Amino acid sequence: MSEPISITLKFGPWVTVERYAELSGLPLETVKKYVKKGELPVKKKPVSEKSSRTRTLINMFDISAGAAMESKKRINLIFEV
């Protein structure tokens, strides 16, 4: 079996919709459409303890791990924040 490939990602496991658009190169409205259709793994996080508003965060770990599994290679993912 071959040695695993190590990939260092320069962002945290959760990013905002805006940051995901920037990282992926997709237009912001396209990313919002994917979120609405459930095509990206997300969670809602309260903006603050006192606010009822939430911020949508995209799970970069799930996306990266899924891409690694599709490659059929052993890959170590390292997040540097």
N, C-alpha and C. Protein backbone atom coordinates (compact mmCIF):
# COMPACT_ATOMS: atom_id res chain seq x y z
N MET A 1 0.84 -1.18 0.00
CA MET A 1 0.00 0.00 0.00
C MET A 1 0.89 1.24 0.00
N SER A 2 0.49 2.23 -0.73
CA SER A 2 1.29 3.46 -0.84
C SER A 2 1.13 4.33 0.40
N GLU A 3 2.10 5.22 0.58
CA GLU A 3 2.06 6.17 1.69
C GLU A 3 0.89 7.13 1.47
N PRO A 4 0.25 7.56 2.58
CA PRO A 4 -0.84 8.53 2.43
C PRO A 4 -0.31 9.89 1.99
N ILE A 5 -1.13 10.62 1.30
CA ILE A 5 -0.83 11.98 0.89
C ILE A 5 -1.34 12.91 1.99
N SER A 6 -0.54 13.90 2.39
CA SER A 6 -0.97 14.88 3.38
C SER A 6 -1.34 16.17 2.67
N ILE A 7 -2.49 16.70 3.02
CA ILE A 7 -2.97 17.95 2.44
C ILE A 7 -3.25 18.91 3.59
N THR A 8 -2.67 20.09 3.52
CA THR A 8 -2.89 21.11 4.54
C THR A 8 -3.85 22.15 3.98
N LEU A 9 -4.93 22.37 4.68
CA LEU A 9 -5.93 23.35 4.26
C LEU A 9 -5.79 24.58 5.14
N LYS A 10 -5.72 25.75 4.53
CA LYS A 10 -5.47 27.00 5.25
C LYS A 10 -6.76 27.69 5.70
N PHE A 11 -7.70 26.89 6.15
CA PHE A 11 -8.95 27.43 6.69
C PHE A 11 -9.47 26.42 7.69
N GLY A 12 -10.40 26.84 8.51
CA GLY A 12 -10.96 25.95 9.52
C GLY A 12 -11.96 24.98 8.93
N PRO A 13 -12.42 24.04 9.74
CA PRO A 13 -13.37 23.06 9.24
C PRO A 13 -14.74 23.65 8.92
N TRP A 14 -15.05 24.82 9.45
CA TRP A 14 -16.31 25.50 9.14
C TRP A 14 -15.99 26.87 8.55
N VAL A 15 -16.65 27.22 7.45
CA VAL A 15 -16.48 28.55 6.85
C VAL A 15 -17.85 29.13 6.54
N THR A 16 -17.90 30.45 6.47
CA THR A 16 -19.15 31.12 6.11
C THR A 16 -19.46 30.89 4.64
N VAL A 17 -20.69 31.16 4.28
CA VAL A 17 -21.11 31.04 2.88
C VAL A 17 -20.26 31.96 2.01
N GLU A 18 -20.00 33.16 2.50
CA GLU A 18 -19.20 34.12 1.74
C GLU A 18 -17.77 33.61 1.53
N ARG A 19 -17.19 33.04 2.59
CA ARG A 19 -15.81 32.53 2.48
C ARG A 19 -15.76 31.32 1.55
N TYR A 20 -16.79 30.47 1.59
CA TYR A 20 -16.83 29.31 0.69
C TYR A 20 -16.89 29.77 -0.76
N ALA A 21 -17.67 30.81 -1.04
CA ALA A 21 -17.75 31.34 -2.40
C ALA A 21 -16.38 31.83 -2.84
N GLU A 22 -15.68 32.51 -1.96
CA GLU A 22 -14.35 33.02 -2.26
C GLU A 22 -13.37 31.87 -2.53
N LEU A 23 -13.38 30.85 -1.65
CA LEU A 23 -12.46 29.72 -1.79
C LEU A 23 -12.74 28.87 -3.03
N SER A 24 -14.02 28.67 -3.32
CA SER A 24 -14.39 27.79 -4.43
C SER A 24 -14.39 28.51 -5.78
N GLY A 25 -14.47 29.84 -5.75
CA GLY A 25 -14.55 30.59 -7.00
C GLY A 25 -15.96 30.64 -7.57
N LEU A 26 -16.92 30.11 -6.83
CA LEU A 26 -18.31 30.14 -7.27
C LEU A 26 -18.95 31.47 -6.90
N PRO A 27 -19.89 31.94 -7.70
CA PRO A 27 -20.61 33.16 -7.32
C PRO A 27 -21.39 32.93 -6.02
N LEU A 28 -21.48 33.97 -5.20
CA LEU A 28 -22.17 33.88 -3.92
C LEU A 28 -23.60 33.37 -4.08
N GLU A 29 -24.31 33.85 -5.07
CA GLU A 29 -25.69 33.41 -5.28
C GLU A 29 -25.78 31.93 -5.62
N THR A 30 -24.80 31.39 -6.32
CA THR A 30 -24.77 29.96 -6.62
C THR A 30 -24.58 29.16 -5.35
N VAL A 31 -23.67 29.60 -4.49
CA VAL A 31 -23.43 28.91 -3.21
C VAL A 31 -24.71 28.94 -2.37
N LYS A 32 -25.37 30.08 -2.31
CA LYS A 32 -26.62 30.18 -1.55
C LYS A 32 -27.67 29.23 -2.10
N LYS A 33 -27.72 29.08 -3.42
CA LYS A 33 -28.66 28.16 -4.06
C LYS A 33 -28.33 26.72 -3.66
N TYR A 34 -27.05 26.35 -3.66
CA TYR A 34 -26.63 25.01 -3.26
C TYR A 34 -27.00 24.73 -1.80
N VAL A 35 -26.83 25.72 -0.94
CA VAL A 35 -27.19 25.58 0.47
C VAL A 35 -28.69 25.34 0.59
N LYS A 36 -29.45 26.15 -0.09
CA LYS A 36 -30.92 26.05 -0.03
C LYS A 36 -31.41 24.69 -0.52
N LYS A 37 -30.74 24.14 -1.54
CA LYS A 37 -31.13 22.85 -2.11
C LYS A 37 -30.56 21.67 -1.32
N GLY A 38 -29.74 21.95 -0.29
CA GLY A 38 -29.16 20.90 0.52
C GLY A 38 -27.98 20.19 -0.13
N GLU A 39 -27.32 20.85 -1.08
CA GLU A 39 -26.21 20.25 -1.80
C GLU A 39 -24.85 20.47 -1.13
N LEU A 40 -24.83 21.23 -0.04
CA LEU A 40 -23.60 21.45 0.73
C LEU A 40 -23.89 21.13 2.18
N PRO A 41 -22.92 20.49 2.89
CA PRO A 41 -23.14 20.19 4.30
C PRO A 41 -23.00 21.46 5.15
N VAL A 42 -24.05 21.81 5.87
CA VAL A 42 -24.07 23.07 6.62
C VAL A 42 -24.60 22.86 8.03
N LYS A 43 -24.36 23.86 8.86
CA LYS A 43 -25.01 23.96 10.17
C LYS A 43 -25.32 25.43 10.38
N LYS A 44 -26.30 25.68 11.22
CA LYS A 44 -26.66 27.04 11.59
C LYS A 44 -26.06 27.34 12.94
N LYS A 45 -25.45 28.52 13.06
CA LYS A 45 -24.83 28.94 14.31
C LYS A 45 -25.43 30.29 14.70
N PRO A 46 -25.84 30.45 15.95
CA PRO A 46 -26.37 31.75 16.37
C PRO A 46 -25.33 32.84 16.18
N VAL A 47 -25.78 34.00 15.72
CA VAL A 47 -24.89 35.14 15.53
C VAL A 47 -24.34 35.59 16.87
N SER A 48 -25.18 35.59 17.90
CA SER A 48 -24.75 35.90 19.26
C SER A 48 -25.71 35.21 20.22
N GLU A 49 -25.36 35.21 21.49
CA GLU A 49 -26.21 34.56 22.49
C GLU A 49 -27.56 35.25 22.62
N LYS A 50 -27.60 36.54 22.38
CA LYS A 50 -28.82 37.31 22.58
C LYS A 50 -29.66 37.44 21.30
N SER A 51 -29.13 36.99 20.19
CA SER A 51 -29.82 37.18 18.91
C SER A 51 -30.53 35.90 18.48
N SER A 52 -31.66 36.06 17.82
CA SER A 52 -32.36 34.89 17.26
C SER A 52 -31.87 34.61 15.83
N ARG A 53 -31.05 35.52 15.29
CA ARG A 53 -30.51 35.32 13.94
C ARG A 53 -29.43 34.24 13.97
N THR A 54 -29.29 33.57 12.83
CA THR A 54 -28.25 32.54 12.72
C THR A 54 -27.37 32.81 11.51
N ARG A 55 -26.19 32.25 11.55
CA ARG A 55 -25.25 32.33 10.42
C ARG A 55 -25.07 30.91 9.91
N THR A 56 -25.11 30.74 8.59
CA THR A 56 -24.91 29.43 7.98
C THR A 56 -23.42 29.19 7.80
N LEU A 57 -22.96 28.03 8.28
CA LEU A 57 -21.56 27.65 8.12
C LEU A 57 -21.49 26.37 7.28
N ILE A 58 -20.52 26.32 6.38
CA ILE A 58 -20.34 25.16 5.50
C ILE A 58 -19.24 24.28 6.07
N ASN A 59 -19.48 22.98 6.10
CA ASN A 59 -18.57 22.01 6.69
C ASN A 59 -17.50 21.61 5.67
N MET A 60 -16.34 22.25 5.77
CA MET A 60 -15.25 21.99 4.83
C MET A 60 -14.62 20.62 5.07
N PHE A 61 -14.71 20.10 6.31
CA PHE A 61 -14.18 18.78 6.58
C PHE A 61 -14.94 17.73 5.78
N ASP A 62 -16.28 17.80 5.81
CA ASP A 62 -17.09 16.84 5.05
C ASP A 62 -16.80 16.93 3.55
N ILE A 63 -16.69 18.14 3.04
CA ILE A 63 -16.42 18.31 1.62
C ILE A 63 -15.04 17.75 1.27
N SER A 64 -14.03 18.06 2.08
CA SER A 64 -12.67 17.59 1.83
C SER A 64 -12.56 16.07 1.97
N ALA A 65 -13.19 15.53 3.01
CA ALA A 65 -13.16 14.08 3.22
C ALA A 65 -13.87 13.35 2.08
N GLY A 66 -14.98 13.90 1.62
CA GLY A 66 -15.69 13.29 0.49
C GLY A 66 -14.84 13.28 -0.77
N ALA A 67 -14.15 14.37 -1.02
CA ALA A 67 -13.27 14.43 -2.18
C ALA A 67 -12.12 13.44 -2.04
N ALA A 68 -11.60 13.30 -0.82
CA ALA A 68 -10.50 12.36 -0.58
C ALA A 68 -10.97 10.93 -0.82
N MET A 69 -12.17 10.59 -0.36
CA MET A 69 -12.69 9.25 -0.55
C MET A 69 -12.92 8.94 -2.03
N GLU A 70 -13.37 9.93 -2.78
CA GLU A 70 -13.59 9.73 -4.21
C GLU A 70 -12.28 9.47 -4.95
N SER A 71 -11.17 9.98 -4.42
CA SER A 71 -9.89 9.80 -5.09
C SER A 71 -9.33 8.39 -4.90
N LYS A 72 -9.88 7.65 -3.92
CA LYS A 72 -9.45 6.29 -3.62
C LYS A 72 -7.98 6.20 -3.21
N LYS A 73 -7.45 7.29 -2.66
CA LYS A 73 -6.09 7.31 -2.13
C LYS A 73 -6.19 7.59 -0.64
N ARG A 74 -5.20 7.16 0.11
CA ARG A 74 -5.15 7.48 1.53
C ARG A 74 -4.65 8.90 1.67
N ILE A 75 -5.45 9.73 2.31
CA ILE A 75 -5.11 11.15 2.42
C ILE A 75 -5.26 11.58 3.87
N ASN A 76 -4.26 12.28 4.40
CA ASN A 76 -4.34 12.90 5.71
C ASN A 76 -4.72 14.37 5.50
N LEU A 77 -5.82 14.80 6.08
CA LEU A 77 -6.23 16.20 5.99
C LEU A 77 -5.77 16.93 7.24
N ILE A 78 -5.12 18.08 7.06
CA ILE A 78 -4.64 18.90 8.17
C ILE A 78 -5.21 20.29 7.99
N PHE A 79 -5.93 20.77 9.00
CA PHE A 79 -6.47 22.11 8.95
C PHE A 79 -5.58 23.03 9.76
N GLU A 80 -5.05 24.07 9.14
CA GLU A 80 -4.25 25.08 9.83
C GLU A 80 -5.03 26.37 9.87
N VAL A 81 -5.39 26.77 11.04
CA VAL A 81 -6.20 27.98 11.18
C VAL A 81 -5.38 29.07 11.78
